[in-house]
C-alpha atoms as a PDB file:
ATOM      1  CA  MET A   1       0.385  -0.063   0.003  1.00  0.00           C
ATOM      2  CA  ILE A   2       2.542   2.205   1.104  1.00  0.00           C
ATOM      3  CA  TRP A   3       4.431   1.740  -2.593  1.00  0.00           C
ATOM      4  CA  LEU A   4       1.306   1.822  -4.852  1.00  0.00           C
ATOM      5  CA  LEU A   5       0.014   4.819  -2.446  1.00  0.00           C
ATOM      6  CA  LEU A   6       3.022   6.689  -1.747  1.00  0.00           C
ATOM      7  CA  PHE A   7       5.953   5.579  -4.577  1.00  0.00           C
ATOM      8  CA  GLY A   8       2.896   6.477  -6.617  1.00  0.00           C
ATOM      9  CA  GLU A   9       2.292  10.338  -5.593  1.00  0.00           C
ATOM     10  CA  LEU A  10       5.402  10.802  -5.648  1.00  0.00           C
ATOM     11  CA  PHE A  11       6.920  10.185  -9.119  1.00  0.00           C
ATOM     12  CA  LYS A  12       3.773  10.634 -11.012  1.00  0.00           C
ATOM     13  CA  ASP A  13       5.045  13.339 -13.154  1.00  0.00           C
ATOM     14  CA  VAL A  14       7.816  10.973 -14.680  1.00  0.00           C
ATOM     15  CA  THR A  15       5.307  10.353 -16.974  1.00  0.00           C
ATOM     16  CA  ARG A  16       5.952  13.948 -18.626  1.00  0.00           C
ATOM     17  CA  ILE A  17       9.528  12.720 -19.041  1.00  0.00           C
ATOM     18  CA  PRO A  18       9.330  11.876 -23.324  1.00  0.00           C
ATOM     19  CA  GLY A  19       9.729   8.606 -23.655  1.00  0.00           C
ATOM     20  CA  PHE A  20       8.293   6.811 -20.616  1.00  0.00           C
ATOM     21  CA  GLY A  21       5.391   6.410 -23.590  1.00  0.00           C
ATOM     22  CA  ALA A  22       2.491   6.344 -20.195  1.00  0.00           C
ATOM     23  CA  GLY A  23       0.303   8.755 -19.576  1.00  0.00           C
ATOM     24  CA  ASN A  24      -0.863   7.896 -15.954  1.00  0.00           C
ATOM     25  CA  TYR A  25       1.811   6.766 -13.573  1.00  0.00           C
ATOM     26  CA  ALA A  26      -0.502   4.776 -11.502  1.00  0.00           C
ATOM     27  CA  THR A  27      -1.837   2.388 -14.829  1.00  0.00           C
ATOM     28  CA  TYR A  28       2.158   1.721 -15.280  1.00  0.00           C
ATOM     29  CA  LEU A  29       2.762   1.450 -11.550  1.00  0.00           C
ATOM     30  CA  THR A  30      -0.016  -1.244 -10.581  1.00  0.00           C
ATOM     31  CA  PRO A  31       0.874  -3.681 -12.308  1.00  0.00           C
ATOM     32  CA  GLY A  32       4.975  -3.597 -11.208  1.00  0.00           C
ATOM     33  CA  VAL A  33       3.667  -3.586  -7.397  1.00  0.00           C
ATOM     34  CA  VAL A  34       1.429  -6.373  -7.841  1.00  0.00           C
ATOM     35  CA  ILE A  35       4.573  -8.368  -9.026  1.00  0.00           C
ATOM     36  CA  MET A  36       6.679  -7.039  -6.413  1.00  0.00           C
ATOM     37  CA  THR A  37       4.605  -7.574  -3.761  1.00  0.00           C
ATOM     38  CA  ALA A  38       4.139 -11.219  -4.929  1.00  0.00           C
ATOM     39  CA  MET A  39       7.882 -11.982  -4.927  1.00  0.00           C
ATOM     40  CA  PHE A  40       8.827 -10.100  -1.569  1.00  0.00           C
ATOM     41  CA  SER A  41       5.533 -12.282   0.320  1.00  0.00           C
ATOM     42  CA  SER A  42       6.696 -15.704  -1.079  1.00  0.00           C
ATOM     43  CA  SER A  43      10.649 -14.688  -0.505  1.00  0.00           C
ATOM     44  CA  TRP A  44       9.785 -15.952   3.177  1.00  0.00           C
ATOM     45  CA  THR A  45       8.019 -18.956   2.583  1.00  0.00           C
ATOM     46  CA  GLY A  46      11.161 -20.709   3.638  1.00  0.00           C
ATOM     47  CA  MET A  47      10.645 -19.195   7.339  1.00  0.00           C
ATOM     48  CA  ALA A  48       8.350 -21.763   8.048  1.00  0.00           C
ATOM     49  CA  TYR A  49      10.384 -24.908   7.323  1.00  0.00           C
ATOM     50  CA  ILE A  50      13.118 -23.202   9.519  1.00  0.00           C
ATOM     51  CA  GLU A  51      10.526 -22.936  12.319  1.00  0.00           C
ATOM     52  CA  ASP A  52       9.559 -26.267  11.758  1.00  0.00           C
ATOM     53  CA  MET A  53      13.112 -27.634  11.888  1.00  0.00           C
ATOM     54  CA  GLN A  54      13.726 -25.908  15.142  1.00  0.00           C
ATOM     55  CA  THR A  55      10.386 -26.996  16.789  1.00  0.00           C
ATOM     56  CA  GLY A  56      10.580 -31.211  15.749  1.00  0.00           C
ATOM     57  CA  VAL A  57       7.454 -30.290  13.155  1.00  0.00           C
ATOM     58  CA  MET A  58       9.993 -31.343  10.482  1.00  0.00           C
ATOM     59  CA  ASP A  59      10.803 -34.552  11.802  1.00  0.00           C
ATOM     60  CA  ARG A  60       7.097 -35.554  11.991  1.00  0.00           C
ATOM     61  CA  PHE A  61       6.850 -34.829   8.444  1.00  0.00           C
ATOM     62  CA  LEU A  62       9.477 -36.647   7.489  1.00  0.00           C
ATOM     63  CA  THR A  63       8.510 -40.244   9.418  1.00  0.00           C
ATOM     64  CA  ALA A  64       4.404 -39.472   7.744  1.00  0.00           C
ATOM     65  CA  PRO A  65       3.782 -41.658   4.628  1.00  0.00           C
ATOM     66  CA  VAL A  66       3.672 -38.753   2.676  1.00  0.00           C
ATOM     67  CA  GLY A  67       6.170 -38.249  -0.958  1.00  0.00           C
ATOM     68  CA  ARG A  68       8.340 -34.777  -0.113  1.00  0.00           C
ATOM     69  CA  GLY A  69       7.215 -33.346  -3.443  1.00  0.00           C
ATOM     70  CA  ALA A  70       3.256 -33.485  -1.812  1.00  0.00           C
ATOM     71  CA  LEU A  71       4.874 -31.086   1.074  1.00  0.00           C
ATOM     72  CA  ILE A  72       6.708 -29.030  -1.004  1.00  0.00           C
ATOM     73  CA  ALA A  73       3.724 -28.738  -3.506  1.00  0.00           C
ATOM     74  CA  ALA A  74       1.145 -28.116  -0.626  1.00  0.00           C
ATOM     75  CA  MET A  75       3.396 -24.838   0.517  1.00  0.00           C
ATOM     76  CA  LEU A  76       3.705 -23.599  -3.211  1.00  0.00           C
ATOM     77  CA  ALA A  77       0.297 -24.197  -3.565  1.00  0.00           C
ATOM     78  CA  TYR A  78      -0.759 -21.976  -0.104  1.00  0.00           C
ATOM     79  CA  GLN A  79       1.809 -19.041  -1.281  1.00  0.00           C
ATOM     80  CA  ALA A  80      -0.077 -19.360  -4.400  1.00  0.00           C
ATOM     81  CA  VAL A  81      -3.040 -18.169  -3.361  1.00  0.00           C
ATOM     82  CA  ILE A  82      -1.704 -15.907  -1.009  1.00  0.00           C
ATOM     83  CA  ALA A  83      -0.586 -14.000  -4.074  1.00  0.00           C
ATOM     84  CA  VAL A  84      -4.262 -14.037  -5.629  1.00  0.00           C
ATOM     85  CA  VAL A  85      -5.473 -12.644  -2.769  1.00  0.00           C
ATOM     86  CA  GLN A  86      -2.978 -10.056  -2.260  1.00  0.00           C
ATOM     87  CA  SER A  87      -2.908  -9.293  -6.163  1.00  0.00           C
ATOM     88  CA  ALA A  88      -6.892  -8.812  -6.252  1.00  0.00           C
ATOM     89  CA  ILE A  89      -6.226  -6.094  -3.069  1.00  0.00           C
ATOM     90  CA  ILE A  90      -3.819  -4.040  -4.889  1.00  0.00           C
ATOM     91  CA  ILE A  91      -5.419  -4.367  -8.279  1.00  0.00           C
ATOM     92  CA  ALA A  92      -8.437  -2.473  -6.378  1.00  0.00           C
ATOM     93  CA  MET A  93      -6.681  -0.383  -4.721  1.00  0.00           C
ATOM     94  CA  GLY A  94      -4.758   1.479  -7.855  1.00  0.00           C
ATOM     95  CA  TRP A  95      -8.094   1.073  -9.557  1.00  0.00           C
ATOM     96  CA  GLY A  96      -9.703   3.156  -6.840  1.00  0.00           C
ATOM     97  CA  ILE A  97      -6.392   5.892  -7.411  1.00  0.00           C
ATOM     98  CA  GLY A  98      -7.333   6.387 -11.251  1.00  0.00           C
ATOM     99  CA  ALA A  99      -5.078   3.132 -12.670  1.00  0.00           C
ATOM    100  CA  ALA A 100      -6.945   1.855 -15.706  1.00  0.00           C
ATOM    101  CA  PHE A 101      -7.281  -1.190 -17.006  1.00  0.00           C
ATOM    102  CA  PRO A 102      -8.273  -1.726 -20.699  1.00  0.00           C
ATOM    103  CA  GLY A 103      -7.557  -5.420 -21.123  1.00  0.00           C
ATOM    104  CA  GLY A 104     -10.707  -5.841 -18.613  1.00  0.00           C
ATOM    105  CA  ALA A 105     -11.340  -8.750 -17.001  1.00  0.00           C
ATOM    106  CA  VAL A 106      -9.124 -11.440 -18.997  1.00  0.00           C
ATOM    107  CA  GLY A 107      -5.714  -9.033 -18.718  1.00  0.00           C
ATOM    108  CA  VAL A 108      -6.998  -8.633 -15.022  1.00  0.00           C
ATOM    109  CA  ALA A 109      -6.721 -12.217 -14.993  1.00  0.00           C
ATOM    110  CA  ALA A 110      -3.444 -12.511 -16.694  1.00  0.00           C
ATOM    111  CA  LEU A 111      -2.384  -9.887 -14.255  1.00  0.00           C
ATOM    112  CA  ILE A 112      -2.537 -12.166 -11.562  1.00  0.00           C
ATOM    113  CA  GLY A 113      -1.914 -15.254 -13.119  1.00  0.00           C
ATOM    114  CA  VAL A 114       1.821 -14.248 -13.733  1.00  0.00           C
ATOM    115  CA  ALA A 115       1.996 -13.039 -10.573  1.00  0.00           C
ATOM    116  CA  VAL A 116       1.187 -15.972  -9.072  1.00  0.00           C
ATOM    117  CA  LEU A 117       3.998 -17.736 -11.427  1.00  0.00           C
ATOM    118  CA  ILE A 118       6.892 -15.645 -10.097  1.00  0.00           C
ATOM    119  CA  ALA A 119       5.804 -15.853  -6.354  1.00  0.00           C
ATOM    120  CA  VAL A 120       5.384 -19.860  -5.987  1.00  0.00           C
ATOM    121  CA  ALA A 121       8.799 -19.831  -8.021  1.00  0.00           C
ATOM    122  CA  MET A 122      10.292 -17.315  -5.494  1.00  0.00           C
ATOM    123  CA  ALA A 123       8.987 -19.743  -2.659  1.00  0.00           C
ATOM    124  CA  GLY A 124       9.807 -22.544  -4.087  1.00  0.00           C
ATOM    125  CA  LEU A 125      13.707 -20.484  -4.026  1.00  0.00           C
ATOM    126  CA  SER A 126      13.291 -19.593  -0.386  1.00  0.00           C
ATOM    127  CA  ILE A 127      12.292 -22.895   0.667  1.00  0.00           C
ATOM    128  CA  GLY A 128      15.251 -24.915  -1.365  1.00  0.00           C
ATOM    129  CA  PHE A 129      17.656 -22.266   0.624  1.00  0.00           C
ATOM    130  CA  ALA A 130      15.833 -22.727   3.871  1.00  0.00           C
ATOM    131  CA  LEU A 131      16.282 -26.274   4.085  1.00  0.00           C
ATOM    132  CA  LEU A 132      19.795 -25.800   2.753  1.00  0.00           C
ATOM    133  CA  ILE A 133      20.701 -23.126   5.413  1.00  0.00           C
ATOM    134  CA  ARG A 134      18.491 -23.960   7.924  1.00  0.00           C
ATOM    135  CA  GLN A 135      19.057 -20.366   9.754  1.00  0.00           C
ATOM    136  CA  ARG A 136      16.599 -17.583   9.963  1.00  0.00           C
ATOM    137  CA  GLU A 137      19.633 -14.623  10.054  1.00  0.00           C
ATOM    138  CA  ALA A 138      20.408 -16.164   6.565  1.00  0.00           C
ATOM    139  CA  LEU A 139      17.275 -16.522   4.778  1.00  0.00           C
ATOM    140  CA  ILE A 140      16.702 -12.950   6.358  1.00  0.00           C
ATOM    141  CA  GLY A 141      19.505 -11.682   4.417  1.00  0.00           C
ATOM    142  CA  ALA A 142      18.860 -13.889   1.741  1.00  0.00           C
ATOM    143  CA  SER A 143      15.640 -12.060   0.809  1.00  0.00           C
ATOM    144  CA  SER A 144      16.529  -8.980   1.020  1.00  0.00           C
ATOM    145  CA  THR A 145      19.869  -8.747  -0.880  1.00  0.00           C
ATOM    146  CA  LEU A 146      18.243 -10.982  -3.740  1.00  0.00           C
ATOM    147  CA  VAL A 147      14.388  -9.490  -3.776  1.00  0.00           C
ATOM    148  CA  MET A 148      15.396  -5.660  -3.975  1.00  0.00           C
ATOM    149  CA  PRO A 149      17.965  -5.950  -7.296  1.00  0.00           C
ATOM    150  CA  LEU A 150      15.654  -8.070  -8.797  1.00  0.00           C
ATOM    151  CA  THR A 151      12.934  -5.422  -8.425  1.00  0.00           C
ATOM    152  CA  PHE A 152      15.259  -2.161  -9.329  1.00  0.00           C
ATOM    153  CA  LEU A 153      16.743  -4.185 -12.077  1.00  0.00           C
ATOM    154  CA  SER A 154      13.658  -4.309 -14.178  1.00  0.00           C
ATOM    155  CA  GLY A 155      10.695  -1.989 -15.566  1.00  0.00           C
ATOM    156  CA  ALA A 156       8.553  -2.467 -12.474  1.00  0.00           C
ATOM    157  CA  PHE A 157       8.564   1.376 -11.657  1.00  0.00           C
ATOM    158  CA  LEU A 158      10.369   3.325 -14.655  1.00  0.00           C
ATOM    159  CA  SER A 159       9.983   2.689 -18.223  1.00  0.00           C
ATOM    160  CA  LEU A 160      13.622   0.642 -19.824  1.00  0.00           C
ATOM    161  CA  ARG A 161      13.793   3.080 -22.639  1.00  0.00           C
ATOM    162  CA  LEU A 162      14.758   5.023 -19.674  1.00  0.00           C
ATOM    163  CA  VAL A 163      16.911   3.592 -17.755  1.00  0.00           C
ATOM    164  CA  PRO A 164      20.650   3.077 -18.363  1.00  0.00           C
ATOM    165  CA  GLY A 165      22.057   0.501 -20.724  1.00  0.00           C
ATOM    166  CA  TRP A 166      23.122  -2.049 -18.533  1.00  0.00           C
ATOM    167  CA  ILE A 167      20.081  -2.028 -16.379  1.00  0.00           C
ATOM    168  CA  ALA A 168      18.069  -2.395 -19.513  1.00  0.00           C
ATOM    169  CA  ALA A 169      20.429  -5.584 -21.053  1.00  0.00           C
ATOM    170  CA  ILE A 170      19.929  -7.141 -17.349  1.00  0.00           C
ATOM    171  CA  ALA A 171      16.002  -6.817 -17.421  1.00  0.00           C
ATOM    172  CA  ARG A 172      15.910  -8.701 -20.499  1.00  0.00           C
ATOM    173  CA  PHE A 173      16.826 -12.187 -18.339  1.00  0.00           C
ATOM    174  CA  ASN A 174      15.328 -10.823 -15.193  1.00  0.00           C
ATOM    175  CA  PRO A 175      12.116 -12.563 -14.338  1.00  0.00           C
ATOM    176  CA  VAL A 176      10.648  -9.747 -12.311  1.00  0.00           C
ATOM    177  CA  ASN A 177      11.100  -7.883 -15.614  1.00  0.00           C
ATOM    178  CA  TRP A 178       9.389 -11.238 -17.397  1.00  0.00           C
ATOM    179  CA  ALA A 179       6.114 -10.718 -15.197  1.00  0.00           C
ATOM    180  CA  ALA A 180       6.111  -7.317 -14.817  1.00  0.00           C
ATOM    181  CA  SER A 181       6.176  -6.870 -18.770  1.00  0.00           C
ATOM    182  CA  ALA A 182       3.374  -9.916 -19.031  1.00  0.00           C
ATOM    183  CA  GLY A 183       0.944  -8.541 -16.729  1.00  0.00           C
ATOM    184  CA  ARG A 184       1.583  -4.741 -18.012  1.00  0.00           C
ATOM    185  CA  MET A 185       0.930  -5.844 -21.250  1.00  0.00           C
ATOM    186  CA  ALA A 186      -2.186  -8.053 -20.621  1.00  0.00           C
ATOM    187  CA  VAL A 187      -4.517  -5.054 -18.481  1.00  0.00           C
ATOM    188  CA  GLY A 188      -3.793  -2.856 -21.642  1.00  0.00           C
ATOM    189  CA  GLY A 189      -5.115  -1.859 -24.663  1.00  0.00           C
ATOM    190  CA  HIS A 190      -5.086  -4.038 -27.373  1.00  0.00           C
ATOM    191  CA  PRO A 191      -2.579  -6.856 -25.587  1.00  0.00           C
ATOM    192  CA  ALA A 192       0.259  -8.444 -27.451  1.00  0.00           C
ATOM    193  CA  TRP A 193      -0.840 -11.851 -26.474  1.00  0.00           C
ATOM    194  CA  GLY A 194       2.191 -14.016 -28.116  1.00  0.00           C
ATOM    195  CA  THR A 195       4.742 -11.831 -25.881  1.00  0.00           C
ATOM    196  CA  VAL A 196       2.623 -12.545 -22.973  1.00  0.00           C
ATOM    197  CA  GLY A 197       2.699 -15.932 -22.733  1.00  0.00           C
ATOM    198  CA  SER A 198       6.125 -16.635 -24.123  1.00  0.00           C
ATOM    199  CA  TYR A 199       7.128 -14.174 -20.568  1.00  0.00           C
ATOM    200  CA  ALA A 200       4.539 -16.803 -18.046  1.00  0.00           C
ATOM    201  CA  GLY A 201       6.297 -19.944 -20.501  1.00  0.00           C
ATOM    202  CA  TYR A 202       9.481 -18.771 -19.243  1.00  0.00           C
ATOM    203  CA  LEU A 203       7.860 -18.145 -15.469  1.00  0.00           C
ATOM    204  CA  ALA A 204       6.808 -21.578 -15.903  1.00  0.00           C
ATOM    205  CA  LEU A 205      10.001 -23.257 -16.336  1.00  0.00           C
ATOM    206  CA  ALA A 206      11.658 -21.081 -13.861  1.00  0.00           C
ATOM    207  CA  LEU A 207       8.973 -22.158 -11.212  1.00  0.00           C
ATOM    208  CA  ALA A 208       9.444 -25.638 -12.568  1.00  0.00           C
ATOM    209  CA  VAL A 209      13.789 -25.064 -11.858  1.00  0.00           C
ATOM    210  CA  THR A 210      12.892 -24.139  -8.255  1.00  0.00           C
ATOM    211  CA  ALA A 211      10.196 -26.478  -7.499  1.00  0.00           C
ATOM    212  CA  VAL A 212      12.609 -29.411  -8.464  1.00  0.00           C
ATOM    213  CA  ALA A 213      15.432 -27.915  -6.225  1.00  0.00           C
ATOM    214  CA  ALA A 214      13.908 -27.114  -3.400  1.00  0.00           C
ATOM    215  CA  THR A 215      11.978 -31.512  -3.156  1.00  0.00           C
ATOM    216  CA  GLN A 216      15.782 -32.418  -3.734  1.00  0.00           C
ATOM    217  CA  ALA A 217      16.912 -30.124  -0.841  1.00  0.00           C
ATOM    218  CA  PHE A 218      13.966 -31.725   1.078  1.00  0.00           C
ATOM    219  CA  ARG A 219      15.784 -34.991   0.612  1.00  0.00           C
ATOM    220  CA  ALA A 220      19.369 -33.533   1.289  1.00  0.00           C
ATOM    221  CA  TYR A 221      17.672 -32.621   4.658  1.00  0.00           C
ATOM    222  CA  GLN A 222      16.113 -35.617   5.158  1.00  0.00           C
ATOM    223  CA  ARG A 223      19.215 -37.394   4.059  1.00  0.00           C
ATOM    224  CA  SER A 224      21.216 -35.186   6.695  1.00  0.00           C
ATOM    225  CA  THR A 225      18.833 -35.966  10.216  1.00  0.00           C
END
């Protein structure tokens, strides 16, 4: 809420810069905040596993007749639900302060969909890291070190036409930029669905990789106990 309301108000005149390419900063900013919030929230998913390890709950999970992949999938599904609720609230707030979504309900659904993809991908990464390092402080440091640079090395808050060339080059390979760009295209007028689908595919691949990595980290943790 602070990012959307205060940051949006502070930098609303940035759209007057020649080449920005958008007339309403709230319209531009809202998809970026949706993606940022989904990523920030999911980056803390591993904290639940660390708490379970320290309180002995994880040992009970390991003795239960449940697949390790199922345990990971359950947490990822939970994080997906959180991302849907958070995204819906932020979109409603953005609309309330003047953001426009010409893409309609389909575009909004696509924005929420890519937010879920990046949230679950980040959650898988957080879980895997937590199972390997098993310390709250290390997970907090890793999350903060990863999330903020990924956010600012993307087009979440500012058009890539106006950023230094090296940032624009990094953004091409940045999952946050994929999600923000796909969501912004989807809710805009005349969406380029092919490009949106390509970005969503990249995010789905990232999700699959982090989910597999988290499952392998779970098995490594089990072998070490």
